[in-house]
């Protein structure tokens, strides 16, 4: 999962280039979310998706909620 997240963050999608300063300030951690633990649900992401992440994000729509295939 870490590899997949790193690939997403470092991808060079044209959609990400449109608004690079969206996250200007750090968001405070909610007192309700501060003590939550992440449980392993057993789902494994196949390596073939990790290798294709740059291509997937390059062709992803800017607003996935408006794209039927992404939903």
N, C-alpha and C. Protein backbone atom coordinates (compact mmCIF):
# COMPACT_ATOMS: atom_id res chain seq x y z
N UNK A 1 0.83 -1.19 0.00
CA UNK A 1 0.00 0.00 0.00
C UNK A 1 0.88 1.25 0.00
N UNK A 2 1.98 1.19 0.73
CA UNK A 2 2.88 2.35 0.79
C UNK A 2 3.45 2.66 -0.58
N UNK A 3 3.81 1.63 -1.33
CA UNK A 3 4.35 1.83 -2.68
C UNK A 3 3.30 2.48 -3.57
N UNK A 4 2.06 2.00 -3.44
CA UNK A 4 0.97 2.55 -4.26
C UNK A 4 0.73 4.02 -3.92
N UNK A 5 0.74 4.35 -2.64
CA UNK A 5 0.53 5.75 -2.23
C UNK A 5 1.67 6.64 -2.70
N UNK A 6 2.90 6.16 -2.60
CA UNK A 6 4.04 6.94 -3.08
C UNK A 6 3.95 7.18 -4.58
N UNK A 7 3.50 6.16 -5.32
CA UNK A 7 3.36 6.32 -6.76
C UNK A 7 2.28 7.34 -7.11
N UNK A 8 1.19 7.34 -6.35
CA UNK A 8 0.12 8.30 -6.58
C UNK A 8 0.61 9.72 -6.32
N UNK A 9 1.31 9.91 -5.23
CA UNK A 9 1.78 11.24 -4.87
C UNK A 9 2.84 11.78 -5.82
N UNK A 10 3.62 10.88 -6.42
CA UNK A 10 4.69 11.33 -7.30
C UNK A 10 4.30 11.30 -8.78
N UNK A 11 3.06 10.90 -9.09
CA UNK A 11 2.66 10.83 -10.49
C UNK A 11 2.60 12.22 -11.11
N UNK A 12 2.83 12.28 -12.42
CA UNK A 12 2.86 13.55 -13.14
C UNK A 12 1.63 13.67 -14.03
N UNK A 13 0.49 13.73 -13.42
CA UNK A 13 -0.77 13.84 -14.15
C UNK A 13 -1.04 15.29 -14.54
N UNK A 14 -1.58 15.53 -15.73
CA UNK A 14 -1.92 16.91 -16.10
C UNK A 14 -2.99 17.50 -15.18
N UNK A 15 -3.80 16.66 -14.59
CA UNK A 15 -4.83 17.15 -13.69
C UNK A 15 -4.22 17.66 -12.39
N UNK A 16 -3.16 17.02 -11.93
CA UNK A 16 -2.50 17.47 -10.71
C UNK A 16 -1.76 18.79 -10.94
N UNK A 17 -1.32 19.03 -12.18
CA UNK A 17 -0.58 20.25 -12.49
C UNK A 17 -1.49 21.47 -12.52
N UNK A 18 -2.79 21.26 -12.70
CA UNK A 18 -3.71 22.39 -12.81
C UNK A 18 -3.84 23.18 -11.51
N UNK A 19 -3.78 22.51 -10.38
CA UNK A 19 -3.97 23.18 -9.10
C UNK A 19 -2.97 22.64 -8.08
N UNK A 20 -1.69 23.02 -8.20
CA UNK A 20 -0.67 22.45 -7.32
C UNK A 20 -0.71 22.96 -5.89
N UNK A 21 -1.36 24.09 -5.63
CA UNK A 21 -1.35 24.67 -4.29
C UNK A 21 -2.67 24.47 -3.55
N UNK A 22 -3.34 23.38 -3.82
CA UNK A 22 -4.62 23.14 -3.19
C UNK A 22 -4.47 22.94 -1.69
N UNK A 23 -3.44 22.20 -1.27
CA UNK A 23 -3.23 21.90 0.15
C UNK A 23 -2.17 22.84 0.69
N UNK A 24 -2.58 24.03 1.08
CA UNK A 24 -1.62 25.01 1.55
C UNK A 24 -1.29 24.82 3.03
N UNK A 25 -2.28 24.59 3.86
CA UNK A 25 -2.06 24.49 5.30
C UNK A 25 -2.29 23.07 5.79
N UNK A 26 -1.62 22.74 6.89
CA UNK A 26 -1.85 21.44 7.51
C UNK A 26 -3.22 21.45 8.18
N UNK A 27 -3.94 20.36 8.03
CA UNK A 27 -5.23 20.25 8.69
C UNK A 27 -5.02 19.67 10.09
N UNK A 28 -5.70 20.20 11.09
CA UNK A 28 -5.54 19.66 12.44
C UNK A 28 -6.17 18.27 12.53
N UNK A 29 -5.60 17.44 13.38
CA UNK A 29 -6.14 16.10 13.59
C UNK A 29 -7.32 16.20 14.54
N UNK A 30 -8.42 15.62 14.15
CA UNK A 30 -9.61 15.64 14.99
C UNK A 30 -9.37 14.85 16.27
N UNK A 31 -9.97 15.29 17.36
CA UNK A 31 -9.82 14.56 18.62
C UNK A 31 -10.46 13.18 18.52
N UNK A 32 -11.41 13.01 17.61
CA UNK A 32 -12.07 11.72 17.42
C UNK A 32 -11.21 10.78 16.59
N UNK A 33 -10.43 11.33 15.68
CA UNK A 33 -9.61 10.50 14.80
C UNK A 33 -8.21 10.29 15.35
N UNK A 34 -7.86 10.98 16.40
CA UNK A 34 -6.50 10.93 16.93
C UNK A 34 -6.10 9.54 17.42
N UNK A 35 -7.03 8.79 18.00
CA UNK A 35 -6.70 7.49 18.59
C UNK A 35 -7.18 6.31 17.76
N UNK A 36 -7.60 6.55 16.53
CA UNK A 36 -8.05 5.45 15.69
C UNK A 36 -6.87 4.62 15.21
N UNK A 37 -7.07 3.33 15.13
CA UNK A 37 -6.04 2.45 14.59
C UNK A 37 -6.52 1.90 13.26
N UNK A 38 -5.59 1.70 12.35
CA UNK A 38 -5.92 1.17 11.04
C UNK A 38 -5.78 -0.35 11.09
N UNK A 39 -6.84 -1.04 10.75
CA UNK A 39 -6.84 -2.50 10.78
C UNK A 39 -6.56 -3.04 9.39
N UNK A 40 -5.87 -4.17 9.35
CA UNK A 40 -5.59 -4.84 8.08
C UNK A 40 -6.84 -5.60 7.65
N UNK A 41 -7.42 -5.22 6.52
CA UNK A 41 -8.62 -5.89 6.05
C UNK A 41 -8.32 -7.07 5.12
N UNK A 42 -7.04 -7.34 4.89
CA UNK A 42 -6.65 -8.49 4.09
C UNK A 42 -6.64 -8.24 2.59
N UNK A 43 -7.02 -7.06 2.14
CA UNK A 43 -7.04 -6.75 0.71
C UNK A 43 -5.62 -6.44 0.25
N UNK A 44 -5.19 -7.11 -0.79
CA UNK A 44 -3.85 -6.89 -1.35
C UNK A 44 -4.00 -6.32 -2.76
N UNK A 45 -3.22 -5.30 -3.06
CA UNK A 45 -3.24 -4.69 -4.39
C UNK A 45 -2.24 -5.43 -5.26
N UNK A 46 -2.69 -6.01 -6.38
CA UNK A 46 -1.77 -6.74 -7.26
C UNK A 46 -0.67 -5.83 -7.80
N UNK A 47 0.55 -6.36 -7.94
CA UNK A 47 1.67 -5.55 -8.42
C UNK A 47 1.45 -4.94 -9.80
N UNK A 48 0.61 -5.55 -10.64
CA UNK A 48 0.40 -5.00 -11.98
C UNK A 48 -0.25 -3.62 -11.92
N UNK A 49 -1.03 -3.34 -10.88
CA UNK A 49 -1.62 -2.02 -10.74
C UNK A 49 -0.60 -1.00 -10.27
N UNK A 50 0.31 -1.42 -9.41
CA UNK A 50 1.33 -0.49 -8.90
C UNK A 50 2.22 -0.01 -10.04
N UNK A 51 2.58 -0.90 -10.96
CA UNK A 51 3.42 -0.52 -12.09
C UNK A 51 2.72 0.39 -13.08
N UNK A 52 1.39 0.32 -13.12
CA UNK A 52 0.63 1.13 -14.08
C UNK A 52 0.07 2.42 -13.49
N UNK A 53 0.40 2.73 -12.25
CA UNK A 53 -0.17 3.92 -11.62
C UNK A 53 0.08 5.21 -12.37
N UNK A 54 1.29 5.47 -12.86
CA UNK A 54 1.48 6.73 -13.60
C UNK A 54 0.55 6.85 -14.81
N UNK A 55 0.39 5.76 -15.55
CA UNK A 55 -0.49 5.78 -16.72
C UNK A 55 -1.95 5.94 -16.29
N UNK A 56 -2.33 5.26 -15.23
CA UNK A 56 -3.71 5.35 -14.75
C UNK A 56 -4.04 6.78 -14.35
N UNK A 57 -3.14 7.43 -13.62
CA UNK A 57 -3.43 8.79 -13.16
C UNK A 57 -3.28 9.82 -14.26
N UNK A 58 -2.47 9.55 -15.26
CA UNK A 58 -2.38 10.48 -16.38
C UNK A 58 -3.68 10.55 -17.17
N UNK A 59 -4.42 9.45 -17.21
CA UNK A 59 -5.66 9.41 -17.97
C UNK A 59 -6.90 9.49 -17.09
N UNK A 60 -6.73 9.78 -15.80
CA UNK A 60 -7.87 9.91 -14.90
C UNK A 60 -8.53 11.27 -15.07
N UNK A 61 -9.84 11.33 -14.89
CA UNK A 61 -10.53 12.62 -15.02
C UNK A 61 -10.22 13.52 -13.82
N UNK A 62 -10.39 14.80 -14.03
CA UNK A 62 -10.15 15.76 -12.96
C UNK A 62 -11.15 15.55 -11.81
N UNK A 63 -12.39 15.32 -12.15
CA UNK A 63 -13.43 15.12 -11.14
C UNK A 63 -14.00 13.71 -11.29
N UNK A 64 -13.51 12.74 -10.51
CA UNK A 64 -13.96 11.35 -10.66
C UNK A 64 -15.44 11.15 -10.37
N UNK A 65 -16.06 12.06 -9.62
CA UNK A 65 -17.48 11.90 -9.32
C UNK A 65 -18.35 12.09 -10.55
N UNK A 66 -17.80 12.73 -11.58
CA UNK A 66 -18.55 12.96 -12.81
C UNK A 66 -18.22 11.94 -13.91
N UNK A 67 -17.37 10.96 -13.56
CA UNK A 67 -16.94 9.98 -14.55
C UNK A 67 -17.52 8.61 -14.19
N UNK A 68 -18.35 8.06 -15.05
CA UNK A 68 -19.02 6.80 -14.75
C UNK A 68 -18.03 5.65 -14.58
N UNK A 69 -16.99 5.57 -15.40
CA UNK A 69 -16.04 4.47 -15.31
C UNK A 69 -15.27 4.49 -13.99
N UNK A 70 -14.97 5.65 -13.46
CA UNK A 70 -14.25 5.74 -12.20
C UNK A 70 -15.13 5.34 -11.03
N UNK A 71 -16.39 5.67 -11.11
CA UNK A 71 -17.31 5.33 -10.02
C UNK A 71 -17.47 3.84 -9.94
